[in-house]
mmCIF file of all heavy atoms, coordinates in Angstrom:
data_MODEL
# 
_entry.id   MODEL 
# 
loop_
_atom_site.group_PDB 
_atom_site.id 
_atom_site.type_symbol 
_atom_site.label_atom_id 
_atom_site.label_alt_id 
_atom_site.label_comp_id 
_atom_site.label_asym_id 
_atom_site.label_entity_id 
_atom_site.label_seq_id 
_atom_site.pdbx_PDB_ins_code 
_atom_site.Cartn_x 
_atom_site.Cartn_y 
_atom_site.Cartn_z 
_atom_site.occupancy 
_atom_site.B_iso_or_equiv 
_atom_site.pdbx_formal_charge 
_atom_site.auth_seq_id 
_atom_site.auth_comp_id 
_atom_site.auth_asym_id 
_atom_site.auth_atom_id 
_atom_site.pdbx_PDB_model_num 
ATOM 1   N N   . PHE A 1 1  ? -0.785 -14.043 4.198   1.00 0.00 ? 1  PHE A N   1 
ATOM 2   C CA  . PHE A 1 1  ? -1.962 -13.261 4.581   1.00 0.00 ? 1  PHE A CA  1 
ATOM 3   C C   . PHE A 1 1  ? -1.604 -11.922 5.224   1.00 0.00 ? 1  PHE A C   1 
ATOM 4   O O   . PHE A 1 1  ? -2.475 -11.079 5.423   1.00 0.00 ? 1  PHE A O   1 
ATOM 5   C CB  . PHE A 1 1  ? -2.857 -14.078 5.524   1.00 0.00 ? 1  PHE A CB  1 
ATOM 6   C CG  . PHE A 1 1  ? -2.323 -14.246 6.920   1.00 0.00 ? 1  PHE A CG  1 
ATOM 7   C CD1 . PHE A 1 1  ? -2.793 -13.481 7.966   1.00 0.00 ? 1  PHE A CD1 1 
ATOM 8   C CD2 . PHE A 1 1  ? -1.336 -15.195 7.181   1.00 0.00 ? 1  PHE A CD2 1 
ATOM 9   C CE1 . PHE A 1 1  ? -2.308 -13.637 9.250   1.00 0.00 ? 1  PHE A CE1 1 
ATOM 10  C CE2 . PHE A 1 1  ? -0.854 -15.374 8.461   1.00 0.00 ? 1  PHE A CE2 1 
ATOM 11  C CZ  . PHE A 1 1  ? -1.339 -14.597 9.500   1.00 0.00 ? 1  PHE A CZ  1 
ATOM 12  N N   . LEU A 1 2  ? -0.332 -11.706 5.547   1.00 0.00 ? 2  LEU A N   1 
ATOM 13  C CA  . LEU A 1 2  ? 0.100  -10.453 6.158   1.00 0.00 ? 2  LEU A CA  1 
ATOM 14  C C   . LEU A 1 2  ? 0.897  -9.576  5.194   1.00 0.00 ? 2  LEU A C   1 
ATOM 15  O O   . LEU A 1 2  ? 1.370  -8.510  5.603   1.00 0.00 ? 2  LEU A O   1 
ATOM 16  C CB  . LEU A 1 2  ? 0.970  -10.748 7.387   1.00 0.00 ? 2  LEU A CB  1 
ATOM 17  C CG  . LEU A 1 2  ? 0.262  -11.360 8.600   1.00 0.00 ? 2  LEU A CG  1 
ATOM 18  C CD1 . LEU A 1 2  ? 1.281  -11.740 9.659   1.00 0.00 ? 2  LEU A CD1 1 
ATOM 19  C CD2 . LEU A 1 2  ? -0.763 -10.406 9.162   1.00 0.00 ? 2  LEU A CD2 1 
ATOM 20  N N   . LEU A 1 3  ? 1.024  -9.976  3.949   1.00 0.00 ? 3  LEU A N   1 
ATOM 21  C CA  . LEU A 1 3  ? 1.920  -9.280  3.033   1.00 0.00 ? 3  LEU A CA  1 
ATOM 22  C C   . LEU A 1 3  ? 1.391  -7.891  2.654   1.00 0.00 ? 3  LEU A C   1 
ATOM 23  O O   . LEU A 1 3  ? 0.182  -7.644  2.668   1.00 0.00 ? 3  LEU A O   1 
ATOM 24  C CB  . LEU A 1 3  ? 2.107  -10.109 1.766   1.00 0.00 ? 3  LEU A CB  1 
ATOM 25  C CG  . LEU A 1 3  ? 2.947  -11.386 1.940   1.00 0.00 ? 3  LEU A CG  1 
ATOM 26  C CD1 . LEU A 1 3  ? 3.042  -12.127 0.626   1.00 0.00 ? 3  LEU A CD1 1 
ATOM 27  C CD2 . LEU A 1 3  ? 4.332  -11.059 2.469   1.00 0.00 ? 3  LEU A CD2 1 
ATOM 28  N N   . PRO A 1 4  ? 2.298  -6.983  2.293   1.00 0.00 ? 4  PRO A N   1 
ATOM 29  C CA  . PRO A 1 4  ? 1.882  -5.630  1.876   1.00 0.00 ? 4  PRO A CA  1 
ATOM 30  C C   . PRO A 1 4  ? 1.217  -5.663  0.510   1.00 0.00 ? 4  PRO A C   1 
ATOM 31  O O   . PRO A 1 4  ? 1.383  -6.616  -0.257  1.00 0.00 ? 4  PRO A O   1 
ATOM 32  C CB  . PRO A 1 4  ? 3.209  -4.865  1.833   1.00 0.00 ? 4  PRO A CB  1 
ATOM 33  C CG  . PRO A 1 4  ? 4.244  -5.907  1.577   1.00 0.00 ? 4  PRO A CG  1 
ATOM 34  C CD  . PRO A 1 4  ? 3.767  -7.137  2.288   1.00 0.00 ? 4  PRO A CD  1 
ATOM 35  N N   . PRO A 1 5  ? 0.450  -4.619  0.175   1.00 0.00 ? 5  PRO A N   1 
ATOM 36  C CA  . PRO A 1 5  ? -0.156 -4.554  -1.169  1.00 0.00 ? 5  PRO A CA  1 
ATOM 37  C C   . PRO A 1 5  ? 0.905  -4.336  -2.236  1.00 0.00 ? 5  PRO A C   1 
ATOM 38  O O   . PRO A 1 5  ? 2.004  -3.835  -1.947  1.00 0.00 ? 5  PRO A O   1 
ATOM 39  C CB  . PRO A 1 5  ? -1.103 -3.350  -1.073  1.00 0.00 ? 5  PRO A CB  1 
ATOM 40  C CG  . PRO A 1 5  ? -0.538 -2.507  0.019   1.00 0.00 ? 5  PRO A CG  1 
ATOM 41  C CD  . PRO A 1 5  ? 0.084  -3.448  1.000   1.00 0.00 ? 5  PRO A CD  1 
ATOM 42  N N   . ARG A 1 6  ? 0.591  -4.720  -3.439  1.00 0.00 ? 6  ARG A N   1 
ATOM 43  C CA  . ARG A 1 6  ? 1.515  -4.512  -4.553  1.00 0.00 ? 6  ARG A CA  1 
ATOM 44  C C   . ARG A 1 6  ? 1.551  -3.034  -4.935  1.00 0.00 ? 6  ARG A C   1 
ATOM 45  O O   . ARG A 1 6  ? 0.530  -2.342  -4.874  1.00 0.00 ? 6  ARG A O   1 
ATOM 46  C CB  . ARG A 1 6  ? 1.109  -5.341  -5.768  1.00 0.00 ? 6  ARG A CB  1 
ATOM 47  C CG  . ARG A 1 6  ? 1.237  -6.832  -5.549  1.00 0.00 ? 6  ARG A CG  1 
ATOM 48  C CD  . ARG A 1 6  ? 1.027  -7.603  -6.837  1.00 0.00 ? 6  ARG A CD  1 
ATOM 49  N NE  . ARG A 1 6  ? 1.164  -9.030  -6.593  1.00 0.00 ? 6  ARG A NE  1 
ATOM 50  C CZ  . ARG A 1 6  ? 2.317  -9.690  -6.594  1.00 0.00 ? 6  ARG A CZ  1 
ATOM 51  N NH1 . ARG A 1 6  ? 3.440  -9.021  -6.841  1.00 0.00 ? 6  ARG A NH1 1 
ATOM 52  N NH2 . ARG A 1 6  ? 2.371  -10.978 -6.366  1.00 0.00 ? 6  ARG A NH2 1 
ATOM 53  N N   . GLN A 1 7  ? 2.726  -2.583  -5.320  1.00 0.00 ? 7  GLN A N   1 
ATOM 54  C CA  . GLN A 1 7  ? 2.864  -1.198  -5.746  1.00 0.00 ? 7  GLN A CA  1 
ATOM 55  C C   . GLN A 1 7  ? 2.304  -1.048  -7.161  1.00 0.00 ? 7  GLN A C   1 
ATOM 56  O O   . GLN A 1 7  ? 2.550  -1.881  -8.030  1.00 0.00 ? 7  GLN A O   1 
ATOM 57  C CB  . GLN A 1 7  ? 4.334  -0.782  -5.719  1.00 0.00 ? 7  GLN A CB  1 
ATOM 58  C CG  . GLN A 1 7  ? 4.952  -0.824  -4.334  1.00 0.00 ? 7  GLN A CG  1 
ATOM 59  C CD  . GLN A 1 7  ? 6.400  -0.409  -4.339  1.00 0.00 ? 7  GLN A CD  1 
ATOM 60  O OE1 . GLN A 1 7  ? 6.796  0.459   -5.103  1.00 0.00 ? 7  GLN A OE1 1 
ATOM 61  N NE2 . GLN A 1 7  ? 7.202  -1.032  -3.491  1.00 0.00 ? 7  GLN A NE2 1 
ATOM 62  N N   . ARG A 1 8  ? 1.549  -0.011  -7.364  1.00 0.00 ? 8  ARG A N   1 
ATOM 63  C CA  . ARG A 1 8  ? 0.942  0.236   -8.668  1.00 0.00 ? 8  ARG A CA  1 
ATOM 64  C C   . ARG A 1 8  ? 1.982  0.775   -9.637  1.00 0.00 ? 8  ARG A C   1 
ATOM 65  O O   . ARG A 1 8  ? 2.912  1.482   -9.243  1.00 0.00 ? 8  ARG A O   1 
ATOM 66  C CB  . ARG A 1 8  ? -0.202 1.247   -8.549  1.00 0.00 ? 8  ARG A CB  1 
ATOM 67  C CG  . ARG A 1 8  ? -1.410 0.692   -7.796  1.00 0.00 ? 8  ARG A CG  1 
ATOM 68  C CD  . ARG A 1 8  ? -2.425 1.786   -7.568  1.00 0.00 ? 8  ARG A CD  1 
ATOM 69  N NE  . ARG A 1 8  ? -3.658 1.246   -6.998  1.00 0.00 ? 8  ARG A NE  1 
ATOM 70  C CZ  . ARG A 1 8  ? -4.752 1.011   -7.691  1.00 0.00 ? 8  ARG A CZ  1 
ATOM 71  N NH1 . ARG A 1 8  ? -4.775 1.269   -8.984  1.00 0.00 ? 8  ARG A NH1 1 
ATOM 72  N NH2 . ARG A 1 8  ? -5.817 0.529   -7.112  1.00 0.00 ? 8  ARG A NH2 1 
ATOM 73  N N   . THR A 1 9  ? 1.783  0.449   -10.909 1.00 0.00 ? 9  THR A N   1 
ATOM 74  C CA  . THR A 1 9  ? 2.666  0.995   -11.937 1.00 0.00 ? 9  THR A CA  1 
ATOM 75  C C   . THR A 1 9  ? 2.179  2.352   -12.431 1.00 0.00 ? 9  THR A C   1 
ATOM 76  O O   . THR A 1 9  ? 2.967  3.148   -12.930 1.00 0.00 ? 9  THR A O   1 
ATOM 77  C CB  . THR A 1 9  ? 2.757  0.029   -13.124 1.00 0.00 ? 9  THR A CB  1 
ATOM 78  O OG1 . THR A 1 9  ? 1.435  -0.237  -13.610 1.00 0.00 ? 9  THR A OG1 1 
ATOM 79  C CG2 . THR A 1 9  ? 3.399  -1.289  -12.691 1.00 0.00 ? 9  THR A CG2 1 
ATOM 80  N N   . LYS A 1 10 ? 0.860  2.609   -12.310 1.00 0.00 ? 10 LYS A N   1 
ATOM 81  C CA  . LYS A 1 10 ? 0.285  3.890   -12.722 1.00 0.00 ? 10 LYS A CA  1 
ATOM 82  C C   . LYS A 1 10 ? -0.437 4.518   -11.542 1.00 0.00 ? 10 LYS A C   1 
ATOM 83  O O   . LYS A 1 10 ? -0.952 3.818   -10.670 1.00 0.00 ? 10 LYS A O   1 
ATOM 84  C CB  . LYS A 1 10 ? -0.693 3.707   -13.892 1.00 0.00 ? 10 LYS A CB  1 
ATOM 85  C CG  . LYS A 1 10 ? -0.040 3.217   -15.174 1.00 0.00 ? 10 LYS A CG  1 
ATOM 86  C CD  . LYS A 1 10 ? -1.070 3.076   -16.282 1.00 0.00 ? 10 LYS A CD  1 
ATOM 87  C CE  . LYS A 1 10 ? -0.430 2.602   -17.574 1.00 0.00 ? 10 LYS A CE  1 
ATOM 88  N NZ  . LYS A 1 10 ? -1.435 2.449   -18.665 1.00 0.00 ? 10 LYS A NZ  1 
ATOM 89  N N   . ALA A 1 11 ? -0.490 5.847   -11.540 1.00 0.00 ? 11 ALA A N   1 
ATOM 90  C CA  . ALA A 1 11 ? -1.191 6.591   -10.479 1.00 0.00 ? 11 ALA A CA  1 
ATOM 91  C C   . ALA A 1 11 ? -0.741 6.116   -9.096  1.00 0.00 ? 11 ALA A C   1 
ATOM 92  O O   . ALA A 1 11 ? -1.543 5.938   -8.191  1.00 0.00 ? 11 ALA A O   1 
ATOM 93  C CB  . ALA A 1 11 ? -2.705 6.461   -10.635 1.00 0.00 ? 11 ALA A CB  1 
ATOM 94  N N   . ARG A 1 12 ? 0.560  5.898   -8.937  1.00 0.00 ? 12 ARG A N   1 
ATOM 95  C CA  . ARG A 1 12 ? 1.075  5.312   -7.697  1.00 0.00 ? 12 ARG A CA  1 
ATOM 96  C C   . ARG A 1 12 ? 0.825  6.204   -6.497  1.00 0.00 ? 12 ARG A C   1 
ATOM 97  O O   . ARG A 1 12 ? 0.480  5.727   -5.413  1.00 0.00 ? 12 ARG A O   1 
ATOM 98  C CB  . ARG A 1 12 ? 2.575  5.040   -7.864  1.00 0.00 ? 12 ARG A CB  1 
ATOM 99  C CG  . ARG A 1 12 ? 3.228  4.403   -6.668  1.00 0.00 ? 12 ARG A CG  1 
ATOM 100 C CD  . ARG A 1 12 ? 4.670  4.046   -6.958  1.00 0.00 ? 12 ARG A CD  1 
ATOM 101 N NE  . ARG A 1 12 ? 4.771  3.055   -8.023  1.00 0.00 ? 12 ARG A NE  1 
ATOM 102 C CZ  . ARG A 1 12 ? 5.933  2.621   -8.518  1.00 0.00 ? 12 ARG A CZ  1 
ATOM 103 N NH1 . ARG A 1 12 ? 7.070  3.106   -8.062  1.00 0.00 ? 12 ARG A NH1 1 
ATOM 104 N NH2 . ARG A 1 12 ? 5.957  1.715   -9.465  1.00 0.00 ? 12 ARG A NH2 1 
ATOM 105 N N   . PHE A 1 13 ? 0.989  7.518   -6.684  1.00 0.00 ? 13 PHE A N   1 
ATOM 106 C CA  . PHE A 1 13 ? 0.875  8.425   -5.540  1.00 0.00 ? 13 PHE A CA  1 
ATOM 107 C C   . PHE A 1 13 ? -0.568 8.789   -5.222  1.00 0.00 ? 13 PHE A C   1 
ATOM 108 O O   . PHE A 1 13 ? -0.810 9.552   -4.301  1.00 0.00 ? 13 PHE A O   1 
ATOM 109 C CB  . PHE A 1 13 ? 1.714  9.681   -5.787  1.00 0.00 ? 13 PHE A CB  1 
ATOM 110 C CG  . PHE A 1 13 ? 3.190  9.424   -5.648  1.00 0.00 ? 13 PHE A CG  1 
ATOM 111 C CD1 . PHE A 1 13 ? 3.947  9.094   -6.757  1.00 0.00 ? 13 PHE A CD1 1 
ATOM 112 C CD2 . PHE A 1 13 ? 3.797  9.482   -4.417  1.00 0.00 ? 13 PHE A CD2 1 
ATOM 113 C CE1 . PHE A 1 13 ? 5.301  8.836   -6.631  1.00 0.00 ? 13 PHE A CE1 1 
ATOM 114 C CE2 . PHE A 1 13 ? 5.150  9.226   -4.280  1.00 0.00 ? 13 PHE A CE2 1 
ATOM 115 C CZ  . PHE A 1 13 ? 5.909  8.903   -5.387  1.00 0.00 ? 13 PHE A CZ  1 
ATOM 116 N N   . MET A 1 14 ? -1.522 8.251   -5.985  1.00 0.00 ? 14 MET A N   1 
ATOM 117 C CA  . MET A 1 14 ? -2.922 8.400   -5.613  1.00 0.00 ? 14 MET A CA  1 
ATOM 118 C C   . MET A 1 14 ? -3.359 7.292   -4.657  1.00 0.00 ? 14 MET A C   1 
ATOM 119 O O   . MET A 1 14 ? -4.466 7.319   -4.143  1.00 0.00 ? 14 MET A O   1 
ATOM 120 C CB  . MET A 1 14 ? -3.811 8.397   -6.857  1.00 0.00 ? 14 MET A CB  1 
ATOM 121 C CG  . MET A 1 14 ? -3.608 9.598   -7.755  1.00 0.00 ? 14 MET A CG  1 
ATOM 122 S SD  . MET A 1 14 ? -4.785 9.670   -9.105  1.00 0.00 ? 14 MET A SD  1 
ATOM 123 C CE  . MET A 1 14 ? -6.300 10.039  -8.228  1.00 0.00 ? 14 MET A CE  1 
ATOM 124 N N   . HIS A 1 15 ? -2.473 6.316   -4.414  1.00 0.00 ? 15 HIS A N   1 
ATOM 125 C CA  . HIS A 1 15 ? -2.836 5.176   -3.571  1.00 0.00 ? 15 HIS A CA  1 
ATOM 126 C C   . HIS A 1 15 ? -1.734 4.849   -2.565  1.00 0.00 ? 15 HIS A C   1 
ATOM 127 O O   . HIS A 1 15 ? -1.635 3.711   -2.116  1.00 0.00 ? 15 HIS A O   1 
ATOM 128 C CB  . HIS A 1 15 ? -3.115 3.948   -4.449  1.00 0.00 ? 15 HIS A CB  1 
ATOM 129 C CG  . HIS A 1 15 ? -4.174 4.160   -5.475  1.00 0.00 ? 15 HIS A CG  1 
ATOM 130 N ND1 . HIS A 1 15 ? -3.904 4.627   -6.742  1.00 0.00 ? 15 HIS A ND1 1 
ATOM 131 C CD2 . HIS A 1 15 ? -5.522 3.991   -5.435  1.00 0.00 ? 15 HIS A CD2 1 
ATOM 132 C CE1 . HIS A 1 15 ? -5.023 4.726   -7.426  1.00 0.00 ? 15 HIS A CE1 1 
ATOM 133 N NE2 . HIS A 1 15 ? -6.022 4.348   -6.663  1.00 0.00 ? 15 HIS A NE2 1 
ATOM 134 N N   . VAL A 1 16 ? -0.905 5.827   -2.207  1.00 0.00 ? 16 VAL A N   1 
ATOM 135 C CA  . VAL A 1 16 ? 0.168  5.552   -1.251  1.00 0.00 ? 16 VAL A CA  1 
ATOM 136 C C   . VAL A 1 16 ? -0.379 5.266   0.136   1.00 0.00 ? 16 VAL A C   1 
ATOM 137 O O   . VAL A 1 16 ? 0.297  4.640   0.956   1.00 0.00 ? 16 VAL A O   1 
ATOM 138 C CB  . VAL A 1 16 ? 1.157  6.735   -1.188  1.00 0.00 ? 16 VAL A CB  1 
ATOM 139 C CG1 . VAL A 1 16 ? 1.936  6.862   -2.477  1.00 0.00 ? 16 VAL A CG1 1 
ATOM 140 C CG2 . VAL A 1 16 ? 0.423  8.034   -0.880  1.00 0.00 ? 16 VAL A CG2 1 
ATOM 141 N N   . ASP A 1 17 ? -1.603 5.713   0.413   1.00 0.00 ? 17 ASP A N   1 
ATOM 142 C CA  . ASP A 1 17 ? -2.154 5.482   1.749   1.00 0.00 ? 17 ASP A CA  1 
ATOM 143 C C   . ASP A 1 17 ? -2.367 3.999   2.027   1.00 0.00 ? 17 ASP A C   1 
ATOM 144 O O   . ASP A 1 17 ? -2.424 3.589   3.194   1.00 0.00 ? 17 ASP A O   1 
ATOM 145 C CB  . ASP A 1 17 ? -3.476 6.233   1.905   1.00 0.00 ? 17 ASP A CB  1 
ATOM 146 C CG  . ASP A 1 17 ? -4.496 5.830   0.850   1.00 0.00 ? 17 ASP A CG  1 
ATOM 147 O OD1 . ASP A 1 17 ? -4.112 5.759   -0.333  1.00 0.00 ? 17 ASP A OD1 1 
ATOM 148 O OD2 . ASP A 1 17 ? -5.651 5.596   1.207   1.00 0.00 ? 17 ASP A OD2 1 
ATOM 149 N N   . THR A 1 18 ? -2.457 3.157   0.988   1.00 0.00 ? 18 THR A N   1 
ATOM 150 C CA  . THR A 1 18 ? -2.656 1.730   1.227   1.00 0.00 ? 18 THR A CA  1 
ATOM 151 C C   . THR A 1 18 ? -1.443 1.110   1.913   1.00 0.00 ? 18 THR A C   1 
ATOM 152 O O   . THR A 1 18 ? -1.591 0.254   2.795   1.00 0.00 ? 18 THR A O   1 
ATOM 153 C CB  . THR A 1 18 ? -2.933 1.006   -0.098  1.00 0.00 ? 18 THR A CB  1 
ATOM 154 O OG1 . THR A 1 18 ? -1.836 1.238   -1.006  1.00 0.00 ? 18 THR A OG1 1 
ATOM 155 C CG2 . THR A 1 18 ? -4.207 1.500   -0.733  1.00 0.00 ? 18 THR A CG2 1 
ATOM 156 N N   . HIS A 1 19 ? -0.233 1.532   1.534   1.00 0.00 ? 19 HIS A N   1 
ATOM 157 C CA  . HIS A 1 19 ? 0.972  1.004   2.170   1.00 0.00 ? 19 HIS A CA  1 
ATOM 158 C C   . HIS A 1 19 ? 1.106  1.507   3.607   1.00 0.00 ? 19 HIS A C   1 
ATOM 159 O O   . HIS A 1 19 ? 1.505  0.752   4.503   1.00 0.00 ? 19 HIS A O   1 
ATOM 160 C CB  . HIS A 1 19 ? 2.207  1.389   1.355   1.00 0.00 ? 19 HIS A CB  1 
ATOM 161 C CG  . HIS A 1 19 ? 2.412  0.540   0.140   1.00 0.00 ? 19 HIS A CG  1 
ATOM 162 N ND1 . HIS A 1 19 ? 1.706  0.719   -1.022  1.00 0.00 ? 19 HIS A ND1 1 
ATOM 163 C CD2 . HIS A 1 19 ? 3.234  -0.521  -0.078  1.00 0.00 ? 19 HIS A CD2 1 
ATOM 164 C CE1 . HIS A 1 19 ? 2.098  -0.177  -1.911  1.00 0.00 ? 19 HIS A CE1 1 
ATOM 165 N NE2 . HIS A 1 19 ? 3.018  -0.939  -1.358  1.00 0.00 ? 19 HIS A NE2 1 
ATOM 166 N N   . VAL A 1 20 ? 0.770  2.768   3.827   1.00 0.00 ? 20 VAL A N   1 
ATOM 167 C CA  . VAL A 1 20 ? 0.867  3.321   5.182   1.00 0.00 ? 20 VAL A CA  1 
ATOM 168 C C   . VAL A 1 20 ? -0.151 2.633   6.092   1.00 0.00 ? 20 VAL A C   1 
ATOM 169 O O   . VAL A 1 20 ? 0.170  2.253   7.233   1.00 0.00 ? 20 VAL A O   1 
ATOM 170 C CB  . VAL A 1 20 ? 0.643  4.848   5.152   1.00 0.00 ? 20 VAL A CB  1 
ATOM 171 C CG1 . VAL A 1 20 ? 0.626  5.420   6.562   1.00 0.00 ? 20 VAL A CG1 1 
ATOM 172 C CG2 . VAL A 1 20 ? 1.729  5.522   4.324   1.00 0.00 ? 20 VAL A CG2 1 
ATOM 173 N N   . GLU A 1 21 ? -1.356 2.481   5.611   1.00 0.00 ? 21 GLU A N   1 
ATOM 174 C CA  . GLU A 1 21 ? -2.387 1.821   6.411   1.00 0.00 ? 21 GLU A CA  1 
ATOM 175 C C   . GLU A 1 21 ? -2.010 0.371   6.711   1.00 0.00 ? 21 GLU A C   1 
ATOM 176 O O   . GLU A 1 21 ? -2.203 -0.115  7.833   1.00 0.00 ? 21 GLU A O   1 
ATOM 177 C CB  . GLU A 1 21 ? -3.721 1.875   5.664   1.00 0.00 ? 21 GLU A CB  1 
ATOM 178 C CG  . GLU A 1 21 ? -4.885 1.291   6.440   1.00 0.00 ? 21 GLU A CG  1 
ATOM 179 C CD  . GLU A 1 21 ? -6.193 1.388   5.679   1.00 0.00 ? 21 GLU A CD  1 
ATOM 180 O OE1 . GLU A 1 21 ? -6.186 1.954   4.566   1.00 0.00 ? 21 GLU A OE1 1 
ATOM 181 O OE2 . GLU A 1 21 ? -7.211 0.899   6.183   1.00 0.00 ? 21 GLU A OE2 1 
ATOM 182 N N   . TRP A 1 22 ? -1.440 -0.318  5.707   1.00 0.00 ? 22 TRP A N   1 
ATOM 183 C CA  . TRP A 1 22 ? -1.013 -1.700  5.940   1.00 0.00 ? 22 TRP A CA  1 
ATOM 184 C C   . TRP A 1 22 ? 0.058  -1.768  7.023   1.00 0.00 ? 22 TRP A C   1 
ATOM 185 O O   . TRP A 1 22 ? -0.012 -2.619  7.933   1.00 0.00 ? 22 TRP A O   1 
ATOM 186 C CB  . TRP A 1 22 ? -0.464 -2.293  4.641   1.00 0.00 ? 22 TRP A CB  1 
ATOM 187 C CG  . TRP A 1 22 ? 0.305  -3.563  4.879   1.00 0.00 ? 22 TRP A CG  1 
ATOM 188 C CD1 . TRP A 1 22 ? -0.205 -4.814  5.027   1.00 0.00 ? 22 TRP A CD1 1 
ATOM 189 C CD2 . TRP A 1 22 ? 1.727  -3.682  5.041   1.00 0.00 ? 22 TRP A CD2 1 
ATOM 190 N NE1 . TRP A 1 22 ? 0.808  -5.708  5.269   1.00 0.00 ? 22 TRP A NE1 1 
ATOM 191 C CE2 . TRP A 1 22 ? 1.994  -5.045  5.280   1.00 0.00 ? 22 TRP A CE2 1 
ATOM 192 C CE3 . TRP A 1 22 ? 2.783  -2.776  5.003   1.00 0.00 ? 22 TRP A CE3 1 
ATOM 193 C CZ2 . TRP A 1 22 ? 3.288  -5.526  5.478   1.00 0.00 ? 22 TRP A CZ2 1 
ATOM 194 C CZ3 . TRP A 1 22 ? 4.077  -3.245  5.201   1.00 0.00 ? 22 TRP A CZ3 1 
ATOM 195 C CH2 . TRP A 1 22 ? 4.327  -4.596  5.438   1.00 0.00 ? 22 TRP A CH2 1 
ATOM 196 N N   . ALA A 1 23 ? 1.061  -0.892  6.948   1.00 0.00 ? 23 ALA A N   1 
ATOM 197 C CA  . ALA A 1 23 ? 2.156  -0.932  7.918   1.00 0.00 ? 23 ALA A CA  1 
ATOM 198 C C   . ALA A 1 23 ? 1.657  -0.627  9.328   1.00 0.00 ? 23 ALA A C   1 
ATOM 199 O O   . ALA A 1 23 ? 2.099  -1.259  10.302  1.00 0.00 ? 23 ALA A O   1 
ATOM 200 C CB  . ALA A 1 23 ? 3.246  0.055   7.514   1.00 0.00 ? 23 ALA A CB  1 
ATOM 201 N N   . GLN A 1 24 ? 0.750  0.314   9.458   1.00 0.00 ? 24 GLN A N   1 
ATOM 202 C CA  . GLN A 1 24 ? 0.220  0.625   10.793  1.00 0.00 ? 24 GLN A CA  1 
ATOM 203 C C   . GLN A 1 24 ? -0.601 -0.545  11.349  1.00 0.00 ? 24 GLN A C   1 
ATOM 204 O O   . GLN A 1 24 ? -0.516 -0.853  12.541  1.00 0.00 ? 24 GLN A O   1 
ATOM 205 C CB  . GLN A 1 24 ? -0.621 1.891   10.725  1.00 0.00 ? 24 GLN A CB  1 
ATOM 206 C CG  . GLN A 1 24 ? 0.216  3.153   10.528  1.00 0.00 ? 24 GLN A CG  1 
ATOM 207 C CD  . GLN A 1 24 ? -0.584 4.404   10.791  1.00 0.00 ? 24 GLN A CD  1 
ATOM 208 O OE1 . GLN A 1 24 ? -1.660 4.565   10.234  1.00 0.00 ? 24 GLN A OE1 1 
ATOM 209 N NE2 . GLN A 1 24 ? -0.065 5.292   11.617  1.00 0.00 ? 24 GLN A NE2 1 
ATOM 210 N N   . ASN A 1 25 ? -1.385 -1.190  10.512  1.00 0.00 ? 25 ASN A N   1 
ATOM 211 C CA  . ASN A 1 25 ? -2.125 -2.368  10.962  1.00 0.00 ? 25 ASN A CA  1 
ATOM 212 C C   . ASN A 1 25 ? -1.178 -3.498  11.357  1.00 0.00 ? 25 ASN A C   1 
ATOM 213 O O   . ASN A 1 25 ? -1.436 -4.231  12.323  1.00 0.00 ? 25 ASN A O   1 
ATOM 214 C CB  . ASN A 1 25 ? -3.069 -2.853  9.856   1.00 0.00 ? 25 ASN A CB  1 
ATOM 215 C CG  . ASN A 1 25 ? -4.244 -1.920  9.646   1.00 0.00 ? 25 ASN A CG  1 
ATOM 216 O OD1 . ASN A 1 25 ? -4.651 -1.204  10.559  1.00 0.00 ? 25 ASN A OD1 1 
ATOM 217 N ND2 . ASN A 1 25 ? -4.795 -1.909  8.447   1.00 0.00 ? 25 ASN A ND2 1 
ATOM 218 N N   . LEU A 1 26 ? -0.076 -3.636  10.629  1.00 0.00 ? 26 LEU A N   1 
ATOM 219 C CA  . LEU A 1 26 ? 0.892  -4.674  10.946  1.00 0.00 ? 26 LEU A CA  1 
ATOM 220 C C   . LEU A 1 26 ? 1.536  -4.422  12.309  1.00 0.00 ? 26 LEU A C   1 
ATOM 221 O O   . LEU A 1 26 ? 1.690  -5.342  13.126  1.00 0.00 ? 26 LEU A O   1 
ATOM 222 C CB  . LEU A 1 26 ? 1.957  -4.728  9.854   1.00 0.00 ? 26 LEU A CB  1 
ATOM 223 C CG  . LEU A 1 26 ? 2.957  -5.876  9.962   1.00 0.00 ? 26 LEU A CG  1 
ATOM 224 C CD1 . LEU A 1 26 ? 2.308  -7.170  9.486   1.00 0.00 ? 26 LEU A CD1 1 
ATOM 225 C CD2 . LEU A 1 26 ? 4.212  -5.578  9.149   1.00 0.00 ? 26 LEU A CD2 1 
# 
């Protein structure tokens, strides 16, 4: 339940904020 989101294979840099937001919440 605490794992990071999966990295996208397409349009990866349009959704990099999901990893940053996850790490800050963690």
